[in-house]
Protein backbone atom coordinates (compact mmCIF):
# COMPACT_ATOMS: atom_id res chain seq x y z
CA UNK A 1 -0.81 22.16 -9.12
CA UNK A 2 1.47 20.33 -11.54
CA UNK A 3 0.37 20.40 -15.16
CA UNK A 4 1.20 17.31 -17.19
CA UNK A 5 2.69 17.62 -20.65
CA UNK A 6 1.39 15.57 -23.56
CA UNK A 7 3.80 12.66 -22.99
CA UNK A 8 2.93 12.51 -19.28
CA UNK A 9 -0.79 12.49 -20.13
CA UNK A 10 -0.10 9.65 -22.54
CA UNK A 11 1.76 7.83 -19.75
CA UNK A 12 -1.22 8.12 -17.39
CA UNK A 13 -3.52 6.76 -20.08
CA UNK A 14 -1.14 3.87 -20.77
CA UNK A 15 -1.04 2.98 -17.05
CA UNK A 16 -4.82 3.03 -16.88
CA UNK A 17 -5.18 0.88 -20.00
CA UNK A 18 -2.65 -1.63 -18.64
CA UNK A 19 -4.71 -1.94 -15.47
CA UNK A 20 -7.78 -2.74 -17.57
CA UNK A 21 -6.22 -5.06 -20.17
CA UNK A 22 -3.61 -6.77 -17.99
CA UNK A 23 -0.98 -6.13 -20.66
CA UNK A 24 2.14 -4.78 -18.94
CA UNK A 25 4.16 -1.77 -20.01
CA UNK A 26 7.89 -1.84 -20.66
CA UNK A 27 9.80 0.63 -18.52
CA UNK A 28 12.17 1.40 -21.39
CA UNK A 29 9.21 2.93 -23.26
CA UNK A 30 8.56 5.41 -20.44
CA UNK A 31 12.05 6.04 -19.07
CA UNK A 32 12.51 9.68 -18.06
CA UNK A 33 8.94 10.78 -18.76
CA UNK A 34 8.52 11.65 -15.07
CA UNK A 35 11.51 13.20 -13.28
CA UNK A 36 10.21 14.45 -9.92
CA UNK A 37 7.83 13.55 -7.09
CA UNK A 38 5.24 16.23 -7.85
CA UNK A 39 4.81 15.11 -11.46
CA UNK A 40 4.67 11.46 -10.40
CA UNK A 41 1.80 12.18 -8.01
CA UNK A 42 0.09 14.25 -10.73
CA UNK A 43 0.28 11.26 -13.10
CA UNK A 44 -1.14 9.07 -10.31
CA UNK A 45 -3.99 11.56 -9.84
CA UNK A 46 -4.76 11.37 -13.56
CA UNK A 47 -4.78 7.55 -13.47
CA UNK A 48 -7.30 7.71 -10.60
CA UNK A 49 -9.38 10.24 -12.52
CA UNK A 50 -9.52 7.85 -15.47
CA UNK A 51 -10.76 5.08 -13.17
CA UNK A 52 -13.77 7.28 -12.50
CA UNK A 53 -14.48 6.17 -8.92
CA UNK A 54 -13.64 7.75 -5.56
CA UNK A 55 -10.47 7.03 -3.62
CA UNK A 56 -11.26 4.24 -1.15
CA UNK A 57 -7.94 4.30 0.64
CA UNK A 58 -4.18 4.23 0.33
CA UNK A 59 -1.04 2.18 0.61
CA UNK A 60 2.26 3.48 1.93
CA UNK A 61 5.46 2.07 0.46
CA UNK A 62 9.18 2.37 1.15
CA UNK A 63 8.73 2.39 4.92
CA UNK A 64 12.01 0.66 5.74
CA UNK A 65 15.61 1.65 5.10
CA UNK A 66 16.09 -1.51 3.04
CA UNK A 67 13.22 -0.81 0.62
CA UNK A 68 14.15 2.88 0.35
CA UNK A 69 17.67 1.89 -0.67
CA UNK A 70 16.27 -0.56 -3.25
CA UNK A 71 14.42 2.27 -4.97
CA UNK A 72 16.96 5.05 -4.31
CA UNK A 73 14.53 6.95 -2.10
CA UNK A 74 14.91 8.83 1.18
CA UNK A 75 11.25 8.90 2.26
CA UNK A 76 8.07 6.84 1.92
CA UNK A 77 5.61 7.25 -0.93
CA UNK A 78 1.91 6.57 -1.23
CA UNK A 79 -0.55 5.16 -3.70
CA UNK A 80 -4.28 5.80 -4.02
CA UNK A 81 -6.60 2.83 -4.29
CA UNK A 82 -10.24 2.16 -5.14
CA UNK A 83 -12.62 0.39 -2.75
CA UNK A 84 -12.94 -2.80 -4.76
CA UNK A 85 -9.24 -3.48 -4.19
CA UNK A 86 -9.72 -3.78 -0.41
CA UNK A 87 -10.96 -7.29 0.38
CA UNK A 88 -12.11 -8.64 3.76
CA UNK A 89 -10.44 -11.90 4.79
CA UNK A 90 -10.74 -14.70 4.03
CA UNK A 91 -10.66 -13.97 0.31
CA UNK A 92 -10.00 -15.88 -2.90
CA UNK A 93 -8.36 -14.45 -6.02
CA UNK A 94 -7.26 -15.85 -9.36
CA UNK A 95 -3.59 -15.42 -10.13
CA UNK A 96 -4.54 -14.72 -13.75
CA UNK A 97 -6.38 -11.56 -12.64
CA UNK A 98 -3.10 -10.05 -11.47
CA UNK A 99 0.08 -9.17 -13.35
CA UNK A 100 3.31 -9.66 -11.34
CA UNK A 101 2.10 -9.70 -7.72
CA UNK A 102 4.07 -9.89 -4.47
CA UNK A 103 2.98 -10.51 -0.86
CA UNK A 104 3.43 -8.14 2.08
CA UNK A 105 2.54 -8.31 5.78
CA UNK A 106 1.05 -5.08 7.12
CA UNK A 107 -1.20 -3.31 9.58
CA UNK A 108 -4.21 -1.55 8.09
CA UNK A 109 -5.79 1.48 9.74
CA UNK A 110 -9.26 2.87 9.01
CA UNK A 111 -10.18 6.43 9.97
CA UNK A 112 -13.26 6.71 12.20
CA UNK A 113 -13.27 10.47 11.59
CA UNK A 114 -11.43 12.77 9.17
CA UNK A 115 -7.70 12.92 9.96
CA UNK A 116 -5.63 16.12 9.84
CA UNK A 117 -1.96 17.04 9.64
CA UNK A 118 -2.14 18.36 13.20
CA UNK A 119 -3.06 14.95 14.62
CA UNK A 120 -0.48 13.55 17.02
CA UNK A 121 0.31 9.84 17.13
CA UNK A 122 -1.94 9.66 20.20
CA UNK A 123 -4.74 11.34 18.22
CA UNK A 124 -4.33 8.86 15.37
CA UNK A 125 -4.52 5.96 17.79
CA UNK A 126 -7.86 7.29 19.04
CA UNK A 127 -9.24 8.07 15.56
CA UNK A 128 -8.67 4.70 13.89
CA UNK A 129 -9.45 1.04 13.83
CA UNK A 130 -6.68 -1.45 13.14
CA UNK A 131 -6.55 -4.82 11.37
CA UNK A 132 -3.89 -7.26 10.30
CA UNK A 133 -3.45 -7.23 6.54
CA UNK A 134 -1.92 -9.16 3.67
CA UNK A 135 -1.13 -6.77 0.86
CA UNK A 136 -0.59 -7.89 -2.73
CA UNK A 137 1.45 -5.22 -4.52
CA UNK A 138 1.23 -5.40 -8.28
CA UNK A 139 2.52 -3.26 -11.12
CA UNK A 140 1.47 -2.29 -14.59
CA UNK A 141 5.13 -2.75 -15.64
CA UNK A 142 6.79 -5.98 -16.73
CA UNK A 143 9.66 -7.31 -14.56
CA UNK A 144 9.15 -4.48 -12.11
CA UNK A 145 10.54 -5.80 -8.82
CA UNK A 146 12.97 -4.65 -7.54
CA UNK A 147 14.30 -2.56 -10.41
CA UNK A 148 11.40 -0.26 -11.38
CA UNK A 149 12.36 3.41 -11.07
CA UNK A 150 10.91 5.32 -8.11
CA UNK A 151 8.98 7.84 -10.21
CA UNK A 152 7.35 5.06 -12.21
CA UNK A 153 6.43 3.29 -8.95
CA UNK A 154 4.80 6.52 -7.75
CA UNK A 155 3.02 7.13 -11.05
CA UNK A 156 1.70 3.55 -10.94
CA UNK A 157 -0.23 4.26 -7.72
CA UNK A 158 2.71 2.89 -5.68
CA UNK A 159 2.26 -0.46 -7.44
CA UNK A 160 -1.10 -0.98 -5.76
CA UNK A 161 -2.76 -4.36 -6.20
CA UNK A 162 -4.97 -5.76 -3.45
CA UNK A 163 -5.21 -5.40 0.31
CA UNK A 164 -6.78 -8.31 2.20
CA UNK A 165 -7.61 -7.18 5.73
CA UNK A 166 -8.68 -9.07 8.83
CA UNK A 167 -11.06 -8.24 11.66
CA UNK A 168 -11.04 -4.57 12.61
CA UNK A 169 -10.75 -3.38 16.19
CA UNK A 170 -10.56 0.08 17.77
CA UNK A 171 -6.85 0.82 17.88
CA UNK A 172 -7.08 1.87 21.52
CA UNK A 173 -8.53 -1.56 22.39
CA UNK A 174 -5.64 -3.43 20.75
CA UNK A 175 -2.78 -1.23 21.91
CA UNK A 176 -2.01 0.10 25.39
CA UNK A 177 -0.35 3.19 23.96
CA UNK A 178 1.44 4.52 20.88
CA UNK A 179 4.65 2.60 21.61
CA UNK A 180 2.72 -0.68 21.73
CA UNK A 181 1.91 -0.32 18.00
CA UNK A 182 5.60 -0.97 17.28
CA UNK A 183 5.55 -4.38 18.99
CA UNK A 184 3.27 -6.41 16.68
CA UNK A 185 4.82 -9.66 15.46
CA UNK A 186 3.52 -11.62 12.47
CA UNK A 187 4.34 -14.82 10.60
CA UNK A 188 3.72 -15.44 6.89
CA UNK A 189 2.76 -18.94 5.68
CA UNK A 190 2.14 -20.56 2.30
CA UNK A 191 0.36 -23.94 2.46
CA UNK A 192 1.22 -24.21 6.18
CA UNK A 193 4.95 -23.67 5.48
CA UNK A 194 6.38 -20.65 7.25
CA UNK A 195 8.07 -18.32 4.79
CA UNK A 196 9.01 -15.35 6.93
CA UNK A 197 8.26 -13.35 10.03
CA UNK A 198 8.53 -9.71 10.92
CA UNK A 199 7.71 -6.91 13.29
CA UNK A 200 5.72 -3.71 12.98
CA UNK A 201 8.78 -1.76 14.09
CA UNK A 202 10.11 -2.29 10.55
CA UNK A 203 7.52 0.28 9.40
CA UNK A 204 9.28 3.61 10.10
CA UNK A 205 9.86 2.39 13.64
CA UNK A 206 6.08 2.49 14.26
CA UNK A 207 3.22 2.11 11.73
CA UNK A 208 1.44 5.12 13.24
CA UNK A 209 4.33 7.22 11.95
CA UNK A 210 3.55 5.89 8.46
CA UNK A 211 -0.08 6.95 8.86
CA UNK A 212 0.98 10.36 10.19
CA UNK A 213 3.36 10.83 7.26
CA UNK A 214 0.55 10.00 4.83
CA UNK A 215 -1.96 12.35 6.45
CA UNK A 216 0.55 15.21 6.40
CA UNK A 217 1.63 14.48 2.82
CA UNK A 218 -1.95 14.42 1.60
CA UNK A 219 -2.75 17.70 3.33
CA UNK A 220 0.31 19.33 1.75
CA UNK A 221 -1.25 18.38 -1.61
CA UNK A 222 -4.69 19.74 -0.76
CA UNK A 223 -6.14 16.30 0.00
CA UNK A 224 -7.44 14.71 3.19
CA UNK A 225 -7.53 11.26 4.72
CA UNK A 226 -11.27 10.95 5.22
CA UNK A 227 -13.52 9.04 7.57
CA UNK A 228 -13.96 5.46 6.34
CA UNK A 229 -10.80 5.36 4.26
CA UNK A 230 -8.32 2.55 4.86
CA UNK A 231 -4.53 2.50 4.57
CA UNK A 232 -2.12 -0.39 4.33
CA UNK A 233 0.72 1.17 6.27
CA UNK A 234 3.91 -0.66 5.23
CA UNK A 235 5.41 -4.12 5.13
CA UNK A 236 6.99 -6.07 7.99
CA UNK A 237 8.93 -8.33 5.56
CA UNK A 238 10.69 -8.24 2.21
CA UNK A 239 7.96 -9.42 -0.17
CA UNK A 240 8.04 -12.82 -1.90
CA UNK A 241 6.20 -13.43 -5.17
CA UNK A 242 2.55 -14.45 -4.95
CA UNK A 243 1.92 -18.05 -6.02
CA UNK A 244 -1.05 -20.36 -6.12
CA UNK A 245 -1.95 -21.83 -2.75
CA UNK A 246 -3.24 -20.96 0.70
CA UNK A 247 -1.60 -17.86 2.18
CA UNK A 248 -1.94 -16.97 5.83
CA UNK A 249 -0.55 -14.31 8.13
CA UNK A 250 -0.72 -14.94 11.86
CA UNK A 251 -0.61 -11.81 14.03
CA UNK A 252 -0.20 -11.48 17.77
CA UNK A 253 -1.93 -8.77 19.88
CA UNK A 254 -5.14 -10.79 19.31
CA UNK A 255 -5.39 -9.40 15.77
CA UNK A 256 -5.99 -12.92 14.50
CA UNK A 257 -5.16 -14.47 11.13
CA UNK A 258 -5.57 -13.15 7.60
CA UNK A 259 -6.12 -15.74 4.87
CA UNK A 260 -5.95 -15.55 1.10
CA UNK A 261 -6.55 -18.43 -1.32
CA UNK A 262 -4.90 -18.02 -4.71
CA UNK A 263 -6.12 -20.18 -7.60
């Protein structure tokens, strides 16, 4: 277990307060407070403790070579999230309730039983449901994308905002096998104008590998991905900024559409 020093405890409290007040932090005020992965996750744990509610699920970030290079990282990272931040589609949010949000296209997996580090990709396929998702990353730091330091991203619950998820299906009903999970195509629209498109293969080559990484990482920290928890597994596209309007992601594989109205 990593023990936080006084400044790191203060940092966790500041992150929590920023999430409550909507007043962003300046990275220059917290530069160098966290200098390694273990401490960053310990700060994140303290932020979650201050929220005072159970972990409802996770998001995995930096699941492509491009995003890893942007944040000078060589592996993914995860953020813990509370249940109220997972919204079934269609949903409506007010832009004023967020800070500096982006938009990502993802697959979300929900565990139908507790997952373990020994689970193969085939096991994970059998133990989950899957849904198309539109994630809204957000940070407690001002002007955070794409320059926020990796350890501050990690401390800030991997810049978790909202996850809007579509209809859920047993993963084995949607996909013929593990390799099929890497073939999902999706298109992102704002007010019926297509902004981008991407493939699930952008997520570590296969989003199930993102889930497996998370399960193993959690277990190495004495945690477990539990039955009922949901994960947003990584983005298909480089995220644009969230704006007012009607957002829609159209997925193939009969996953349907995910819609978000932003006022």
